[in-house]
Amino acid sequence: MKIGPLENKPAVAGTAGERKSKAAEPAVTATSGGAPEPSAKVELSAAGSAIASVLADGSFDAQKVERLSRAIREGTYRIDAEAIADKLISNTRELLEGGKI
């Protein structure tokens, strides 16, 4: 690929700063009464809502997290595979009975 001198390049309309400022201006429509039209609608999933509510109610236990982190670092944290399997089976049954799967 041959690259020619800069003088042969086509002129760009406006500077980069001008293009950015025009792109950043919100669109105004007659139906919005002069306010910018929303560009997207955001909804949290059920899991996201649950996490947000836990964070909002202050039930986060930093001391418990620290104890678990320390046990993991020290190699003393025990994983109960049987309890995990039982809980997974229980959750799957609930989902199947509730018609969510």
C-alpha atoms as a PDB file:
ATOM      1  CA  MET A   1       0.000   0.000   0.000  1.00  0.00           C
ATOM      2  CA  LYS A   2       1.428   3.341  -1.024  1.00  0.00           C
ATOM      3  CA  ILE A   3       0.851   6.318   1.252  1.00  0.00           C
ATOM      4  CA  GLY A   4       0.878   9.692  -0.434  1.00  0.00           C
ATOM      5  CA  PRO A   5       1.745  13.107   0.981  1.00  0.00           C
ATOM      6  CA  LEU A   6      -0.641  14.770   3.422  1.00  0.00           C
ATOM      7  CA  GLU A   7      -1.505  17.532   0.911  1.00  0.00           C
ATOM      8  CA  ASN A   8      -3.393  14.998  -1.259  1.00  0.00           C
ATOM      9  CA  LYS A   9      -5.760  13.960   1.543  1.00  0.00           C
ATOM     10  CA  PRO A  10      -9.369  15.194   1.260  1.00  0.00           C
ATOM     11  CA  ALA A  11     -10.375  18.039   3.553  1.00  0.00           C
ATOM     12  CA  VAL A  12     -12.324  17.038   6.655  1.00  0.00           C
ATOM     13  CA  ALA A  13     -15.398  19.088   7.495  1.00  0.00           C
ATOM     14  CA  GLY A  14     -14.681  20.782  10.832  1.00  0.00           C
ATOM     15  CA  THR A  15     -12.105  19.940  13.428  1.00  0.00           C
ATOM     16  CA  ALA A  16     -12.262  16.919  15.718  1.00  0.00           C
ATOM     17  CA  GLY A  17     -13.425  19.164  18.570  1.00  0.00           C
ATOM     18  CA  GLU A  18     -16.285  20.545  16.469  1.00  0.00           C
ATOM     19  CA  ARG A  19     -17.400  17.047  15.458  1.00  0.00           C
ATOM     20  CA  LYS A  20     -17.362  15.872  19.089  1.00  0.00           C
ATOM     21  CA  SER A  21     -19.359  18.830  20.357  1.00  0.00           C
ATOM     22  CA  LYS A  22     -22.018  18.355  17.676  1.00  0.00           C
ATOM     23  CA  ALA A  23     -22.262  14.622  18.405  1.00  0.00           C
ATOM     24  CA  ALA A  24     -22.600  15.263  22.138  1.00  0.00           C
ATOM     25  CA  GLU A  25     -25.627  17.563  21.700  1.00  0.00           C
ATOM     26  CA  PRO A  26     -28.871  15.749  22.599  1.00  0.00           C
ATOM     27  CA  ALA A  27     -31.610  15.522  20.004  1.00  0.00           C
ATOM     28  CA  VAL A  28     -34.656  17.653  20.754  1.00  0.00           C
ATOM     29  CA  THR A  29     -38.022  16.711  19.318  1.00  0.00           C
ATOM     30  CA  ALA A  30     -41.307  18.571  19.150  1.00  0.00           C
ATOM     31  CA  THR A  31     -43.084  15.805  21.099  1.00  0.00           C
ATOM     32  CA  SER A  32     -40.681  15.987  24.015  1.00  0.00           C
ATOM     33  CA  GLY A  33     -41.499  19.607  24.778  1.00  0.00           C
ATOM     34  CA  GLY A  34     -37.913  20.705  24.278  1.00  0.00           C
ATOM     35  CA  ALA A  35     -36.420  18.031  26.550  1.00  0.00           C
ATOM     36  CA  PRO A  36     -34.012  15.462  25.131  1.00  0.00           C
ATOM     37  CA  GLU A  37     -35.611  12.209  24.019  1.00  0.00           C
ATOM     38  CA  PRO A  38     -34.459   9.211  26.086  1.00  0.00           C
ATOM     39  CA  SER A  39     -32.171   6.985  24.059  1.00  0.00           C
ATOM     40  CA  ALA A  40     -32.488   3.787  26.070  1.00  0.00           C
ATOM     41  CA  LYS A  41     -34.610   2.135  28.704  1.00  0.00           C
ATOM     42  CA  VAL A  42     -32.790   0.164  31.377  1.00  0.00           C
ATOM     43  CA  GLU A  43     -34.385  -2.518  33.537  1.00  0.00           C
ATOM     44  CA  LEU A  44     -32.656  -4.683  36.116  1.00  0.00           C
ATOM     45  CA  SER A  45     -33.102  -8.436  36.022  1.00  0.00           C
ATOM     46  CA  ALA A  46     -34.539 -10.191  39.058  1.00  0.00           C
ATOM     47  CA  ALA A  47     -31.018 -11.089  40.186  1.00  0.00           C
ATOM     48  CA  GLY A  48     -29.836  -7.499  39.692  1.00  0.00           C
ATOM     49  CA  SER A  49     -32.800  -6.180  41.665  1.00  0.00           C
ATOM     50  CA  ALA A  50     -32.087  -8.621  44.484  1.00  0.00           C
ATOM     51  CA  ILE A  51     -28.442  -7.562  44.637  1.00  0.00           C
ATOM     52  CA  ALA A  52     -29.388  -3.882  44.563  1.00  0.00           C
ATOM     53  CA  SER A  53     -31.863  -4.337  47.430  1.00  0.00           C
ATOM     54  CA  VAL A  54     -29.291  -6.192  49.560  1.00  0.00           C
ATOM     55  CA  LEU A  55     -26.756  -3.434  48.997  1.00  0.00           C
ATOM     56  CA  ALA A  56     -29.342  -0.755  49.756  1.00  0.00           C
ATOM     57  CA  ASP A  57     -30.523  -2.252  53.051  1.00  0.00           C
ATOM     58  CA  GLY A  58     -27.035  -2.365  54.562  1.00  0.00           C
ATOM     59  CA  SER A  59     -27.019  -6.101  55.307  1.00  0.00           C
ATOM     60  CA  PHE A  60     -23.537  -6.535  53.824  1.00  0.00           C
ATOM     61  CA  ASP A  61     -21.342  -8.121  56.490  1.00  0.00           C
ATOM     62  CA  ALA A  62     -17.768  -6.979  55.897  1.00  0.00           C
ATOM     63  CA  GLN A  63     -16.507  -8.944  58.913  1.00  0.00           C
ATOM     64  CA  LYS A  64     -17.923 -12.191  57.532  1.00  0.00           C
ATOM     65  CA  VAL A  65     -16.297 -11.518  54.174  1.00  0.00           C
ATOM     66  CA  GLU A  66     -12.978 -10.883  55.922  1.00  0.00           C
ATOM     67  CA  ARG A  67     -13.269 -14.137  57.938  1.00  0.00           C
ATOM     68  CA  LEU A  68     -13.999 -16.131  54.762  1.00  0.00           C
ATOM     69  CA  SER A  69     -11.165 -14.414  52.872  1.00  0.00           C
ATOM     70  CA  ARG A  70      -8.726 -15.174  55.671  1.00  0.00           C
ATOM     71  CA  ALA A  71      -9.818 -18.842  55.820  1.00  0.00           C
ATOM     72  CA  ILE A  72      -9.362 -19.180  52.065  1.00  0.00           C
ATOM     73  CA  ARG A  73      -5.904 -17.558  52.196  1.00  0.00           C
ATOM     74  CA  GLU A  74      -4.832 -19.764  55.081  1.00  0.00           C
ATOM     75  CA  GLY A  75      -6.207 -22.903  53.435  1.00  0.00           C
ATOM     76  CA  THR A  76      -8.579 -23.672  56.302  1.00  0.00           C
ATOM     77  CA  TYR A  77     -11.853 -23.036  54.438  1.00  0.00           C
ATOM     78  CA  ARG A  78     -13.752 -26.301  53.948  1.00  0.00           C
ATOM     79  CA  ILE A  79     -16.129 -26.797  51.047  1.00  0.00           C
ATOM     80  CA  ASP A  80     -19.091 -29.047  51.784  1.00  0.00           C
ATOM     81  CA  ALA A  81     -19.747 -30.526  48.329  1.00  0.00           C
ATOM     82  CA  GLU A  82     -22.742 -32.514  49.588  1.00  0.00           C
ATOM     83  CA  ALA A  83     -24.468 -29.385  50.938  1.00  0.00           C
ATOM     84  CA  ILE A  84     -23.794 -27.535  47.679  1.00  0.00           C
ATOM     85  CA  ALA A  85     -25.224 -30.409  45.625  1.00  0.00           C
ATOM     86  CA  ASP A  86     -28.334 -30.591  47.843  1.00  0.00           C
ATOM     87  CA  LYS A  87     -28.926 -26.847  47.459  1.00  0.00           C
ATOM     88  CA  LEU A  88     -28.498 -27.014  43.659  1.00  0.00           C
ATOM     89  CA  ILE A  89     -31.018 -29.844  43.452  1.00  0.00           C
ATOM     90  CA  SER A  90     -33.434 -27.952  45.695  1.00  0.00           C
ATOM     91  CA  ASN A  91     -33.131 -24.760  43.629  1.00  0.00           C
ATOM     92  CA  THR A  92     -33.648 -26.692  40.391  1.00  0.00           C
ATOM     93  CA  ARG A  93     -36.799 -28.337  41.793  1.00  0.00           C
ATOM     94  CA  GLU A  94     -38.152 -24.920  42.794  1.00  0.00           C
ATOM     95  CA  LEU A  95     -37.502 -23.529  39.314  1.00  0.00           C
ATOM     96  CA  LEU A  96     -39.111 -26.541  37.622  1.00  0.00           C
ATOM     97  CA  GLU A  97     -42.189 -26.434  39.871  1.00  0.00           C
ATOM     98  CA  GLY A  98     -42.530 -22.684  39.400  1.00  0.00           C
ATOM     99  CA  GLY A  99     -42.497 -23.060  35.613  1.00  0.00           C
ATOM    100  CA  LYS A 100     -39.399 -20.899  35.204  1.00  0.00           C
ATOM    101  CA  ILE A 101     -37.516 -23.567  33.287  1.00  0.00           C
END
